[in-house]
Amino acid sequence: MKLYQFSWGIYPRRILVYLQEKGVTDIEMMTLDVVAGDQRQPDFLKKNPAGTVPVLETDDGHFIGQSCSILLYLEECLPGPDMSGATAADRARTRDQLLLVNDAYNFAGICTFHASPLFVQRREQSSEVARAMRFEYARVLGSLEAMAGDGDYLGGDRPSIADVAFFASEQFMRTLYKLRLPEQCARLEAIYSRFQQRPSATPAAFPEWIVDMAPLRDF
């Protein structure tokens, strides 16, 4: 298999952290220069017409272009440790949590489009939209908080693919944009802090110019 990725992106990070958690090293890494626009080149668009990263190329030549789908696919294909759940009910709960994570950080991403100087030349800035998206981000994370239970992680005593997606997404948002979890999400904050101690949690290096421009302005 091949993974088309760039090490610091929010969605590629989900897969890269997951692979470290699984101890997988035999997937070929195809690094893209997204700043230069590699993801918009015709050859890449044949793999993923959406022009988004990551993309997993499977052994039989199929392309999977959504991070959640890639996580679910790899979890079916790769040997342990189990990161989806031992029973059908457990696996359904993990998928529910994974989708909540995805929704929350999609809202966070739209917030950054309207409140980060990084996008001022490409997006119309709107404090109203930024506030609305931050509200939705907090609302969905509130639902995830309610599902977290009393274990060390979202998946219980061990991290699940939902934990991986949550940690990678939250680390990206708070490191680059200085957007942090809502105060009411104490369980999620504890899970984040716990996951941060794992070897897979070592942060990626962002391009310096992006770090300087990205933090959200007041809105």
N, C-alpha and C. Protein backbone atom coordinates (compact mmCIF):
# COMPACT_ATOMS: atom_id res chain seq x y z
N MET A 1 0.83 -1.19 0.00
CA MET A 1 0.00 0.00 0.00
C MET A 1 0.87 1.25 0.00
N LYS A 2 0.28 2.35 -0.49
CA LYS A 2 0.95 3.63 -0.49
C LYS A 2 0.05 4.66 0.19
N LEU A 3 0.65 5.54 0.97
CA LEU A 3 -0.09 6.63 1.61
C LEU A 3 0.45 7.95 1.08
N TYR A 4 -0.43 8.70 0.41
CA TYR A 4 -0.09 10.03 -0.06
C TYR A 4 -0.43 11.00 1.07
N GLN A 5 0.57 11.74 1.54
CA GLN A 5 0.40 12.49 2.79
C GLN A 5 1.39 13.65 2.86
N PHE A 6 1.19 14.49 3.87
CA PHE A 6 2.21 15.46 4.29
C PHE A 6 2.15 15.49 5.82
N SER A 7 3.27 15.53 6.45
CA SER A 7 3.37 15.12 7.85
C SER A 7 2.62 16.01 8.82
N TRP A 8 2.38 17.29 8.48
CA TRP A 8 1.80 18.19 9.46
C TRP A 8 0.31 18.46 9.25
N GLY A 9 -0.29 17.89 8.21
CA GLY A 9 -1.71 18.15 7.95
C GLY A 9 -2.62 17.46 8.94
N ILE A 10 -3.74 18.09 9.23
CA ILE A 10 -4.65 17.56 10.25
C ILE A 10 -5.15 16.16 9.88
N TYR A 11 -5.52 15.94 8.63
CA TYR A 11 -6.08 14.64 8.25
C TYR A 11 -5.00 13.60 8.02
N PRO A 12 -3.88 13.93 7.35
CA PRO A 12 -2.79 12.95 7.29
C PRO A 12 -2.26 12.55 8.66
N ARG A 13 -2.23 13.51 9.61
CA ARG A 13 -1.73 13.19 10.95
C ARG A 13 -2.54 12.08 11.59
N ARG A 14 -3.83 12.04 11.34
CA ARG A 14 -4.65 10.96 11.90
C ARG A 14 -4.10 9.60 11.48
N ILE A 15 -3.76 9.48 10.22
CA ILE A 15 -3.28 8.19 9.71
C ILE A 15 -1.87 7.91 10.21
N LEU A 16 -1.03 8.92 10.25
CA LEU A 16 0.35 8.73 10.68
C LEU A 16 0.42 8.34 12.16
N VAL A 17 -0.40 8.96 12.99
CA VAL A 17 -0.45 8.58 14.40
C VAL A 17 -0.98 7.15 14.54
N TYR A 18 -2.01 6.83 13.79
CA TYR A 18 -2.59 5.48 13.83
C TYR A 18 -1.54 4.43 13.47
N LEU A 19 -0.79 4.66 12.41
CA LEU A 19 0.21 3.68 11.97
C LEU A 19 1.28 3.48 13.03
N GLN A 20 1.65 4.54 13.74
CA GLN A 20 2.60 4.39 14.84
C GLN A 20 1.99 3.57 15.97
N GLU A 21 0.73 3.82 16.27
CA GLU A 21 0.06 3.04 17.32
C GLU A 21 -0.01 1.55 16.97
N LYS A 22 -0.17 1.26 15.69
CA LYS A 22 -0.25 -0.13 15.24
C LYS A 22 1.12 -0.76 15.03
N GLY A 23 2.16 0.06 15.00
CA GLY A 23 3.49 -0.46 14.74
C GLY A 23 3.70 -0.86 13.29
N VAL A 24 3.01 -0.21 12.38
CA VAL A 24 3.08 -0.53 10.95
C VAL A 24 4.14 0.35 10.28
N THR A 25 5.07 -0.27 9.58
CA THR A 25 6.14 0.48 8.93
C THR A 25 6.29 0.13 7.45
N ASP A 26 5.46 -0.77 6.94
CA ASP A 26 5.66 -1.23 5.57
C ASP A 26 4.70 -0.60 4.56
N ILE A 27 4.03 0.49 4.94
CA ILE A 27 3.25 1.25 3.96
C ILE A 27 4.16 2.33 3.37
N GLU A 28 4.22 2.39 2.06
CA GLU A 28 5.11 3.34 1.39
C GLU A 28 4.55 4.76 1.53
N MET A 29 5.39 5.68 2.00
CA MET A 29 4.98 7.05 2.21
C MET A 29 5.31 7.90 0.98
N MET A 30 4.28 8.51 0.41
CA MET A 30 4.43 9.39 -0.74
C MET A 30 4.15 10.82 -0.26
N THR A 31 5.19 11.59 -0.06
CA THR A 31 5.05 12.92 0.54
C THR A 31 4.74 13.95 -0.54
N LEU A 32 3.69 14.72 -0.31
CA LEU A 32 3.27 15.77 -1.23
C LEU A 32 3.66 17.14 -0.68
N ASP A 33 3.97 18.05 -1.57
CA ASP A 33 4.20 19.45 -1.21
C ASP A 33 2.89 20.20 -1.47
N VAL A 34 2.06 20.29 -0.45
CA VAL A 34 0.74 20.90 -0.65
C VAL A 34 0.83 22.40 -0.83
N VAL A 35 1.86 23.02 -0.27
CA VAL A 35 2.04 24.46 -0.47
C VAL A 35 2.31 24.76 -1.94
N ALA A 36 3.07 23.88 -2.58
CA ALA A 36 3.35 24.04 -4.01
C ALA A 36 2.19 23.58 -4.89
N GLY A 37 1.21 22.87 -4.30
CA GLY A 37 0.03 22.47 -5.05
C GLY A 37 0.10 21.10 -5.67
N ASP A 38 0.91 20.20 -5.11
CA ASP A 38 0.98 18.84 -5.67
C ASP A 38 -0.38 18.16 -5.72
N GLN A 39 -1.23 18.48 -4.74
CA GLN A 39 -2.54 17.82 -4.65
C GLN A 39 -3.51 18.29 -5.74
N ARG A 40 -3.15 19.31 -6.47
CA ARG A 40 -4.01 19.81 -7.55
C ARG A 40 -3.50 19.43 -8.94
N GLN A 41 -2.44 18.66 -8.99
CA GLN A 41 -1.89 18.24 -10.27
C GLN A 41 -2.74 17.12 -10.88
N PRO A 42 -2.81 17.06 -12.21
CA PRO A 42 -3.68 16.07 -12.88
C PRO A 42 -3.43 14.64 -12.42
N ASP A 43 -2.18 14.25 -12.24
CA ASP A 43 -1.90 12.87 -11.84
C ASP A 43 -2.50 12.55 -10.48
N PHE A 44 -2.44 13.51 -9.57
CA PHE A 44 -3.02 13.26 -8.25
C PHE A 44 -4.54 13.29 -8.30
N LEU A 45 -5.10 14.19 -9.09
CA LEU A 45 -6.55 14.28 -9.18
C LEU A 45 -7.18 13.02 -9.77
N LYS A 46 -6.40 12.25 -10.52
CA LYS A 46 -6.89 10.95 -10.98
C LYS A 46 -7.06 9.99 -9.81
N LYS A 47 -6.25 10.17 -8.78
CA LYS A 47 -6.34 9.33 -7.58
C LYS A 47 -7.46 9.80 -6.66
N ASN A 48 -7.61 11.10 -6.56
CA ASN A 48 -8.64 11.68 -5.70
C ASN A 48 -9.15 12.97 -6.34
N PRO A 49 -10.26 12.91 -7.05
CA PRO A 49 -10.76 14.10 -7.74
C PRO A 49 -11.03 15.29 -6.82
N ALA A 50 -11.21 15.02 -5.52
CA ALA A 50 -11.43 16.12 -4.58
C ALA A 50 -10.16 16.92 -4.31
N GLY A 51 -9.00 16.34 -4.66
CA GLY A 51 -7.74 17.04 -4.45
C GLY A 51 -7.37 17.21 -2.99
N THR A 52 -7.83 16.31 -2.14
CA THR A 52 -7.53 16.38 -0.72
C THR A 52 -6.54 15.28 -0.32
N VAL A 53 -5.91 15.49 0.81
CA VAL A 53 -4.88 14.58 1.32
C VAL A 53 -5.24 14.25 2.76
N PRO A 54 -5.12 12.99 3.19
CA PRO A 54 -4.39 11.87 2.60
C PRO A 54 -5.21 11.08 1.59
N VAL A 55 -4.50 10.23 0.87
CA VAL A 55 -5.10 9.22 0.01
C VAL A 55 -4.33 7.92 0.24
N LEU A 56 -5.06 6.86 0.43
CA LEU A 56 -4.46 5.53 0.55
C LEU A 56 -4.67 4.78 -0.75
N GLU A 57 -3.57 4.30 -1.34
CA GLU A 57 -3.63 3.42 -2.49
C GLU A 57 -3.49 1.99 -1.99
N THR A 58 -4.52 1.19 -2.20
CA THR A 58 -4.52 -0.18 -1.68
C THR A 58 -3.70 -1.10 -2.58
N ASP A 59 -3.44 -2.29 -2.08
CA ASP A 59 -2.64 -3.25 -2.84
C ASP A 59 -3.30 -3.64 -4.16
N ASP A 60 -4.63 -3.57 -4.21
CA ASP A 60 -5.33 -3.93 -5.45
C ASP A 60 -5.65 -2.72 -6.32
N GLY A 61 -5.04 -1.57 -6.01
CA GLY A 61 -5.13 -0.42 -6.90
C GLY A 61 -6.31 0.50 -6.67
N HIS A 62 -7.03 0.35 -5.57
CA HIS A 62 -8.11 1.28 -5.24
C HIS A 62 -7.54 2.46 -4.46
N PHE A 63 -8.27 3.58 -4.51
CA PHE A 63 -7.85 4.78 -3.80
C PHE A 63 -8.94 5.18 -2.81
N ILE A 64 -8.52 5.45 -1.58
CA ILE A 64 -9.44 5.86 -0.52
C ILE A 64 -9.01 7.27 -0.09
N GLY A 65 -9.94 8.22 -0.15
CA GLY A 65 -9.55 9.61 0.00
C GLY A 65 -10.12 10.34 1.20
N GLN A 66 -10.71 9.64 2.16
CA GLN A 66 -11.20 10.28 3.38
C GLN A 66 -10.50 9.65 4.58
N SER A 67 -10.03 10.47 5.50
CA SER A 67 -9.23 9.93 6.61
C SER A 67 -10.01 8.92 7.45
N CYS A 68 -11.29 9.18 7.69
CA CYS A 68 -12.08 8.23 8.48
C CYS A 68 -12.20 6.89 7.75
N SER A 69 -12.43 6.96 6.45
CA SER A 69 -12.53 5.72 5.67
C SER A 69 -11.21 4.97 5.64
N ILE A 70 -10.11 5.72 5.57
CA ILE A 70 -8.80 5.08 5.59
C ILE A 70 -8.57 4.37 6.92
N LEU A 71 -8.91 5.03 8.02
CA LEU A 71 -8.75 4.41 9.34
C LEU A 71 -9.58 3.13 9.44
N LEU A 72 -10.82 3.18 9.00
CA LEU A 72 -11.69 2.01 9.08
C LEU A 72 -11.17 0.89 8.19
N TYR A 73 -10.70 1.23 6.99
CA TYR A 73 -10.17 0.23 6.09
C TYR A 73 -8.93 -0.44 6.68
N LEU A 74 -7.98 0.37 7.15
CA LEU A 74 -6.75 -0.19 7.70
C LEU A 74 -7.04 -1.05 8.93
N GLU A 75 -8.01 -0.62 9.73
CA GLU A 75 -8.33 -1.38 10.93
C GLU A 75 -8.88 -2.75 10.57
N GLU A 76 -9.56 -2.86 9.44
CA GLU A 76 -10.04 -4.17 8.98
C GLU A 76 -8.90 -5.03 8.44
N CYS A 77 -7.90 -4.38 7.84
CA CYS A 77 -6.85 -5.12 7.12
C CYS A 77 -5.65 -5.48 7.97
N LEU A 78 -5.33 -4.65 8.95
CA LEU A 78 -4.08 -4.81 9.68
C LEU A 78 -4.27 -5.65 10.94
N PRO A 79 -3.24 -6.34 11.37
CA PRO A 79 -3.32 -7.09 12.63
C PRO A 79 -3.35 -6.16 13.83
N GLY A 80 -3.56 -6.74 15.03
CA GLY A 80 -3.71 -5.99 16.27
C GLY A 80 -2.56 -5.04 16.55
N PRO A 81 -2.68 -4.20 17.59
CA PRO A 81 -3.75 -4.23 18.58
C PRO A 81 -5.09 -3.72 18.04
N ASP A 82 -6.17 -4.28 18.60
CA ASP A 82 -7.51 -3.89 18.19
C ASP A 82 -7.76 -2.44 18.57
N MET A 83 -8.22 -1.64 17.61
CA MET A 83 -8.52 -0.23 17.88
C MET A 83 -9.90 0.17 17.40
N SER A 84 -10.78 -0.83 17.25
CA SER A 84 -12.16 -0.53 16.85
C SER A 84 -13.19 -1.08 17.82
N GLY A 85 -12.86 -2.16 18.55
CA GLY A 85 -13.80 -2.73 19.49
C GLY A 85 -13.97 -4.22 19.28
N ALA A 86 -14.20 -4.92 20.37
CA ALA A 86 -14.26 -6.38 20.32
C ALA A 86 -15.61 -6.91 19.86
N THR A 87 -16.67 -6.13 20.03
CA THR A 87 -18.01 -6.58 19.67
C THR A 87 -18.61 -5.62 18.64
N ALA A 88 -19.71 -6.06 18.02
CA ALA A 88 -20.39 -5.20 17.05
C ALA A 88 -20.84 -3.89 17.69
N ALA A 89 -21.33 -3.98 18.93
CA ALA A 89 -21.77 -2.77 19.63
C ALA A 89 -20.59 -1.84 19.91
N ASP A 90 -19.45 -2.42 20.32
CA ASP A 90 -18.26 -1.61 20.56
C ASP A 90 -17.80 -0.91 19.28
N ARG A 91 -17.83 -1.65 18.18
CA ARG A 91 -17.37 -1.07 16.92
C ARG A 91 -18.31 0.03 16.45
N ALA A 92 -19.60 -0.14 16.67
CA ALA A 92 -20.56 0.90 16.31
C ALA A 92 -20.32 2.16 17.14
N ARG A 93 -20.04 1.98 18.43
CA ARG A 93 -19.76 3.13 19.29
C ARG A 93 -18.49 3.86 18.84
N THR A 94 -17.48 3.10 18.45
CA THR A 94 -16.26 3.72 17.95
C THR A 94 -16.54 4.52 16.69
N ARG A 95 -17.35 3.97 15.78
CA ARG A 95 -17.69 4.71 14.56
C ARG A 95 -18.47 5.97 14.89
N ASP A 96 -19.41 5.88 15.83
CA ASP A 96 -20.14 7.08 16.26
C ASP A 96 -19.18 8.16 16.75
N GLN A 97 -18.24 7.76 17.59
CA GLN A 97 -17.28 8.72 18.13
C GLN A 97 -16.39 9.29 17.03
N LEU A 98 -15.97 8.43 16.11
CA LEU A 98 -15.13 8.88 15.01
C LEU A 98 -15.85 9.93 14.16
N LEU A 99 -17.12 9.70 13.89
CA LEU A 99 -17.88 10.65 13.08
C LEU A 99 -18.12 11.96 13.83
N LEU A 100 -18.32 11.89 15.14
CA LEU A 100 -18.43 13.12 15.92
C LEU A 100 -17.13 13.92 15.88
N VAL A 101 -16.01 13.23 16.01
CA VAL A 101 -14.71 13.91 15.89
C VAL A 101 -14.61 14.60 14.55
N ASN A 102 -14.96 13.89 13.50
CA ASN A 102 -14.85 14.46 12.16
C ASN A 102 -15.73 15.70 12.02
N ASP A 103 -16.97 15.61 12.50
CA ASP A 103 -17.88 16.76 12.42
C ASP A 103 -17.32 17.95 13.19
N ALA A 104 -16.86 17.70 14.41
CA ALA A 104 -16.37 18.79 15.26
C ALA A 104 -15.23 19.54 14.59
N TYR A 105 -14.28 18.80 14.04
CA TYR A 105 -13.11 19.47 13.49
C TYR A 105 -13.33 19.98 12.07
N ASN A 106 -14.37 19.51 11.41
CA ASN A 106 -14.80 20.19 10.19
C ASN A 106 -15.33 21.58 10.52
N PHE A 107 -16.14 21.68 11.58
CA PHE A 107 -16.60 23.00 12.02
C PHE A 107 -15.43 23.89 12.44
N ALA A 108 -14.47 23.30 13.16
CA ALA A 108 -13.29 24.07 13.57
C ALA A 108 -12.53 24.58 12.36
N GLY A 109 -12.43 23.74 11.33
CA GLY A 109 -11.73 24.15 10.12
C GLY A 109 -12.41 25.32 9.45
N ILE A 110 -13.73 25.32 9.37
CA ILE A 110 -14.44 26.45 8.78
C ILE A 110 -14.23 27.70 9.62
N CYS A 111 -14.20 27.54 10.93
CA CYS A 111 -13.89 28.67 11.83
C CYS A 111 -12.55 29.29 11.47
N THR A 112 -11.54 28.46 11.25
CA THR A 112 -10.22 29.01 10.94
C THR A 112 -10.23 29.75 9.60
N PHE A 113 -11.02 29.29 8.63
CA PHE A 113 -11.09 29.98 7.34
C PHE A 113 -11.52 31.44 7.51
N HIS A 114 -12.37 31.67 8.51
CA HIS A 114 -12.95 33.00 8.68
C HIS A 114 -12.29 33.82 9.78
N ALA A 115 -11.31 33.26 10.49
CA ALA A 115 -10.72 33.99 11.61
C ALA A 115 -9.20 33.91 11.67
N SER A 116 -8.57 33.23 10.72
CA SER A 116 -7.12 33.14 10.72
C SER A 116 -6.53 34.01 9.61
N PRO A 117 -5.54 34.84 9.93
CA PRO A 117 -4.87 35.63 8.88
C PRO A 117 -4.27 34.77 7.77
N LEU A 118 -4.09 33.49 8.03
CA LEU A 118 -3.54 32.60 7.02
C LEU A 118 -4.41 32.55 5.77
N PHE A 119 -5.71 32.79 5.94
CA PHE A 119 -6.65 32.65 4.82
C PHE A 119 -7.18 33.99 4.31
N VAL A 120 -6.65 35.09 4.77
CA VAL A 120 -7.24 36.39 4.46
C VAL A 120 -7.23 36.69 2.96
N GLN A 121 -6.27 36.14 2.23
CA GLN A 121 -6.20 36.38 0.79
C GLN A 121 -7.08 35.41 0.00
N ARG A 122 -7.56 34.37 0.64
CA ARG A 122 -8.30 33.33 -0.09
C ARG A 122 -9.75 33.20 0.34
N ARG A 123 -10.08 33.69 1.53
CA ARG A 123 -11.44 33.57 2.03
C ARG A 123 -11.92 34.91 2.57
N GLU A 124 -13.20 35.17 2.37
CA GLU A 124 -13.79 36.37 2.98
C GLU A 124 -13.88 36.14 4.48
N GLN A 125 -13.26 37.01 5.25
CA GLN A 125 -13.25 36.85 6.70
C GLN A 125 -14.59 37.31 7.29
N SER A 126 -15.09 36.57 8.26
CA SER A 126 -16.38 36.88 8.88
C SER A 126 -16.36 36.45 10.34
N SER A 127 -16.39 37.42 11.24
CA SER A 127 -16.45 37.10 12.66
C SER A 127 -17.73 36.36 13.01
N GLU A 128 -18.81 36.71 12.31
CA GLU A 128 -20.10 36.07 12.58
C GLU A 128 -20.04 34.58 12.25
N VAL A 129 -19.47 34.25 11.09
CA VAL A 129 -19.35 32.85 10.71
C VAL A 129 -18.38 32.13 11.66
N ALA A 130 -17.28 32.79 12.00
CA ALA A 130 -16.30 32.18 12.90
C ALA A 130 -16.94 31.84 14.25
N ARG A 131 -17.72 32.76 14.79
CA ARG A 131 -18.39 32.49 16.07
C ARG A 131 -19.38 31.34 15.94
N ALA A 132 -20.13 31.32 14.85
CA ALA A 132 -21.12 30.25 14.65
C ALA A 132 -20.43 28.89 14.54
N MET A 133 -19.32 28.83 13.82
CA MET A 133 -18.62 27.56 13.65
C MET A 133 -17.94 27.12 14.95
N ARG A 134 -17.46 28.09 15.73
CA ARG A 134 -16.87 27.73 17.02
C ARG A 134 -17.95 27.18 17.95
N PHE A 135 -19.14 27.74 17.87
CA PHE A 135 -20.26 27.23 18.67
C PHE A 135 -20.57 25.78 18.26
N GLU A 136 -20.62 25.51 16.95
CA GLU A 136 -20.92 24.15 16.49
C GLU A 136 -19.81 23.18 16.88
N TYR A 137 -18.57 23.62 16.78
CA TYR A 137 -17.43 22.81 17.24
C TYR A 137 -17.60 22.41 18.70
N ALA A 138 -17.94 23.39 19.54
CA ALA A 138 -18.14 23.12 20.97
C ALA A 138 -19.35 22.23 21.21
N ARG A 139 -20.39 22.44 20.44
CA ARG A 139 -21.61 21.65 20.62
C ARG A 139 -21.35 20.18 20.32
N VAL A 140 -20.69 19.90 19.20
CA VAL A 140 -20.44 18.50 18.84
C VAL A 140 -19.46 17.85 19.83
N LEU A 141 -18.45 18.62 20.25
CA LEU A 141 -17.53 18.06 21.24
C LEU A 141 -18.25 17.79 22.57
N GLY A 142 -19.28 18.56 22.87
CA GLY A 142 -20.08 18.27 24.05
C GLY A 142 -20.73 16.91 23.96
N SER A 143 -21.20 16.54 22.76
CA SER A 143 -21.77 15.20 22.57
C SER A 143 -20.70 14.14 22.73
N LEU A 144 -19.50 14.40 22.20
CA LEU A 144 -18.41 13.44 22.35
C LEU A 144 -18.01 13.31 23.81
N GLU A 145 -17.99 14.41 24.52
CA GLU A 145 -17.69 14.39 25.96
C GLU A 145 -18.66 13.49 26.70
N ALA A 146 -19.95 13.58 26.34
CA ALA A 146 -20.96 12.77 27.01
C ALA A 146 -20.80 11.28 26.73
N MET A 147 -20.17 10.93 25.59
CA MET A 147 -19.96 9.54 25.23
C MET A 147 -18.64 8.99 25.75
N ALA A 148 -17.83 9.82 26.36
CA ALA A 148 -16.46 9.42 26.67
C ALA A 148 -16.36 8.35 27.74
N GLY A 149 -17.32 8.28 28.63
CA GLY A 149 -17.27 7.27 29.68
C GLY A 149 -16.18 7.57 30.71
N ASP A 150 -15.85 6.57 31.51
CA ASP A 150 -14.90 6.77 32.61
C ASP A 150 -13.54 6.12 32.36
N GLY A 151 -13.33 5.60 31.16
CA GLY A 151 -12.05 4.98 30.86
C GLY A 151 -10.96 6.00 30.60
N ASP A 152 -9.76 5.50 30.37
CA ASP A 152 -8.63 6.40 30.08
C ASP A 152 -8.77 7.07 28.73
N TYR A 153 -9.49 6.42 27.81
CA TYR A 153 -9.62 6.93 26.45
C TYR A 153 -11.07 6.82 26.00
N LEU A 154 -11.37 7.38 24.84
CA LEU A 154 -12.71 7.25 24.29
C LEU A 154 -13.09 5.79 24.12
N GLY A 155 -12.10 4.96 23.77
CA GLY A 155 -12.36 3.55 23.55
C GLY A 155 -12.28 2.70 24.80
N GLY A 156 -12.15 3.31 25.97
CA GLY A 156 -12.03 2.55 27.21
C GLY A 156 -10.62 2.63 27.77
N ASP A 157 -10.02 1.50 28.03
CA ASP A 157 -8.68 1.48 28.63
C ASP A 157 -7.57 1.62 27.61
N ARG A 158 -7.90 1.43 26.32
CA ARG A 158 -6.89 1.54 25.27
C ARG A 158 -7.39 2.51 24.19
N PRO A 159 -6.49 3.17 23.49
CA PRO A 159 -6.94 4.09 22.44
C PRO A 159 -7.63 3.36 21.29
N SER A 160 -8.61 4.01 20.74
CA SER A 160 -9.31 3.52 19.56
C SER A 160 -8.96 4.42 18.36
N ILE A 161 -9.49 4.07 17.19
CA ILE A 161 -9.29 4.95 16.05
C ILE A 161 -9.95 6.30 16.28
N ALA A 162 -11.01 6.34 17.09
CA ALA A 162 -11.63 7.63 17.42
C ALA A 162 -10.69 8.47 18.27
N ASP A 163 -9.98 7.84 19.21
CA ASP A 163 -8.98 8.56 20.00
C ASP A 163 -7.88 9.14 19.12
N VAL A 164 -7.43 8.35 18.17
CA VAL A 164 -6.38 8.81 17.26
C VAL A 164 -6.84 10.04 16.49
N ALA A 165 -8.04 9.96 15.92
CA ALA A 165 -8.56 11.09 15.15
C ALA A 165 -8.76 12.32 16.03
N PHE A 166 -9.27 12.10 17.23
CA PHE A 166 -9.47 13.21 18.16
C PHE A 166 -8.15 13.85 18.54
N PHE A 167 -7.18 13.05 18.96
CA PHE A 167 -5.91 13.62 19.40
C PHE A 167 -5.22 14.37 18.27
N ALA A 168 -5.10 13.75 17.10
CA ALA A 168 -4.40 14.38 15.98
C ALA A 168 -5.06 15.69 15.58
N SER A 169 -6.39 15.71 15.59
CA SER A 169 -7.13 16.91 15.20
C SER A 169 -6.98 18.02 16.23
N GLU A 170 -7.12 17.65 17.50
CA GLU A 170 -7.00 18.66 18.56
C GLU A 170 -5.58 19.19 18.66
N GLN A 171 -4.59 18.32 18.53
CA GLN A 171 -3.20 18.77 18.57
C GLN A 171 -2.94 19.77 17.44
N PHE A 172 -3.46 19.49 16.26
CA PHE A 172 -3.30 20.39 15.12
C PHE A 172 -3.92 21.75 15.42
N MET A 173 -5.16 21.76 15.89
CA MET A 173 -5.87 23.01 16.11
C MET A 173 -5.23 23.86 17.21
N ARG A 174 -4.84 23.23 18.30
CA ARG A 174 -4.29 24.04 19.39
C ARG A 174 -2.85 24.45 19.13
N THR A 175 -2.10 23.64 18.39
CA THR A 175 -0.72 24.00 18.09
C THR A 175 -0.63 25.09 17.04
N LEU A 176 -1.42 24.96 15.99
CA LEU A 176 -1.30 25.90 14.87
C LEU A 176 -2.18 27.13 15.05
N TYR A 177 -3.45 26.93 15.39
CA TYR A 177 -4.40 28.04 15.43
C TYR A 177 -4.68 28.56 16.83
N LYS A 178 -4.15 27.88 17.86
CA LYS A 178 -4.39 28.26 19.26
C LYS A 178 -5.87 28.14 19.63
N LEU A 179 -6.56 27.23 18.98
CA LEU A 179 -7.95 26.93 19.32
C LEU A 179 -7.96 25.71 20.23
N ARG A 180 -8.48 25.89 21.43
CA ARG A 180 -8.43 24.83 22.43
C ARG A 180 -9.82 24.29 22.72
N LEU A 181 -9.85 23.15 23.38
CA LEU A 181 -11.11 22.53 23.76
C LEU A 181 -11.95 23.46 24.63
N PRO A 182 -13.28 23.40 24.48
CA PRO A 182 -14.15 24.17 25.38
C PRO A 182 -13.92 23.76 26.84
N GLU A 183 -14.09 24.72 27.74
CA GLU A 183 -13.83 24.46 29.16
C GLU A 183 -14.66 23.32 29.71
N GLN A 184 -15.87 23.14 29.18
CA GLN A 184 -16.76 22.12 29.72
C GLN A 184 -16.34 20.70 29.33
N CYS A 185 -15.34 20.56 28.47
CA CYS A 185 -14.93 19.23 28.00
C CYS A 185 -13.75 18.71 28.83
N ALA A 186 -13.99 18.54 30.12
CA ALA A 186 -12.92 18.12 31.03
C ALA A 186 -12.45 16.70 30.74
N ARG A 187 -13.37 15.80 30.40
CA ARG A 187 -12.98 14.42 30.08
C ARG A 187 -12.10 14.39 28.83
N LEU A 188 -12.51 15.14 27.82
CA LEU A 188 -11.73 15.17 26.58
C LEU A 188 -10.35 15.78 26.82
N GLU A 189 -10.29 16.78 27.66
CA GLU A 189 -8.99 17.38 27.99
C GLU A 189 -8.09 16.36 28.67
N ALA A 190 -8.67 15.56 29.57
CA ALA A 190 -7.88 14.53 30.26
C ALA A 190 -7.42 13.46 29.27
N ILE A 191 -8.29 13.07 28.34
CA ILE A 191 -7.91 12.08 27.33
C ILE A 191 -6.81 12.64 26.44
N TYR A 192 -6.94 13.89 26.06
CA TYR A 192 -5.91 14.52 25.24
C TYR A 192 -4.56 14.52 25.96
N SER A 193 -4.57 14.94 27.22
CA SER A 193 -3.33 14.99 27.99
C SER A 193 -2.71 13.61 28.15
N ARG A 194 -3.55 12.60 28.33
CA ARG A 194 -3.07 11.23 28.48
C ARG A 194 -2.45 10.73 27.17
N PHE A 195 -3.14 10.99 26.07
CA PHE A 195 -2.63 10.54 24.78
C PHE A 195 -1.32 11.27 24.44
N GLN A 196 -1.20 12.49 24.89
CA GLN A 196 -0.02 13.29 24.59
C GLN A 196 1.27 12.66 25.12
N GLN A 197 1.15 11.76 26.07
CA GLN A 197 2.32 11.10 26.64
C GLN A 197 2.77 9.89 25.81
N ARG A 198 1.99 9.51 24.81
CA ARG A 198 2.31 8.33 24.02
C ARG A 198 3.37 8.66 22.97
N PRO A 199 4.22 7.69 22.62
CA PRO A 199 5.27 7.95 21.62
C PRO A 199 4.73 8.47 20.29
N SER A 200 3.53 8.04 19.92
CA SER A 200 2.96 8.46 18.63
C SER A 200 2.56 9.93 18.61
N ALA A 201 2.54 10.57 19.77
CA ALA A 201 2.01 11.93 19.88
C ALA A 201 3.04 13.01 19.57
N THR A 202 4.27 12.66 19.27
CA THR A 202 5.28 13.66 18.96
C THR A 202 4.79 14.57 17.84
N PRO A 203 4.72 15.87 18.08
CA PRO A 203 4.10 16.76 17.07
C PRO A 203 4.94 16.87 15.81
N ALA A 204 4.27 17.10 14.71
CA ALA A 204 4.95 17.35 13.44
C ALA A 204 5.45 18.79 13.41
N ALA A 205 6.44 19.03 12.59
CA ALA A 205 6.98 20.39 12.42
C ALA A 205 6.21 21.11 11.33
N PHE A 206 5.64 22.26 11.69
CA PHE A 206 4.94 23.08 10.71
C PHE A 206 5.92 24.01 10.02
N PRO A 207 5.64 24.39 8.76
CA PRO A 207 6.43 25.45 8.13
C PRO A 207 6.36 26.73 8.98
N GLU A 208 7.48 27.37 9.20
CA GLU A 208 7.54 28.50 10.13
C GLU A 208 6.60 29.63 9.73
N TRP A 209 6.50 29.91 8.45
CA TRP A 209 5.66 31.03 8.02
C TRP A 209 4.18 30.76 8.30
N ILE A 210 3.78 29.49 8.26
CA ILE A 210 2.40 29.14 8.58
C ILE A 210 2.14 29.33 10.07
N VAL A 211 3.10 28.92 10.90
CA VAL A 211 2.96 29.09 12.35
C VAL A 211 2.80 30.56 12.71
N ASP A 212 3.55 31.43 12.05
CA ASP A 212 3.49 32.85 12.35
C ASP A 212 2.15 33.48 11.98
N MET A 213 1.52 32.99 10.91
CA MET A 213 0.30 33.62 10.41
C MET A 213 -0.99 32.99 10.93
N ALA A 214 -0.93 31.75 11.42
CA ALA A 214 -2.14 30.97 11.63
C ALA A 214 -3.01 31.36 12.83
N PRO A 215 -2.45 31.76 13.99
CA PRO A 215 -3.30 31.94 15.17
C PRO A 215 -4.53 32.81 14.90
N LEU A 216 -5.66 32.39 15.45
CA LEU A 216 -6.93 33.07 15.21
C LEU A 216 -6.90 34.47 15.80
N ARG A 217 -7.46 35.38 15.04
CA ARG A 217 -7.65 36.74 15.57
C ARG A 217 -8.87 36.71 16.49
N ASP A 218 -9.03 37.76 17.28
CA ASP A 218 -10.19 37.86 18.16
C ASP A 218 -11.47 37.96 17.37
N PHE A 219 -12.46 37.21 17.79
CA PHE A 219 -13.76 37.30 17.15
C PHE A 219 -14.83 37.04 18.19
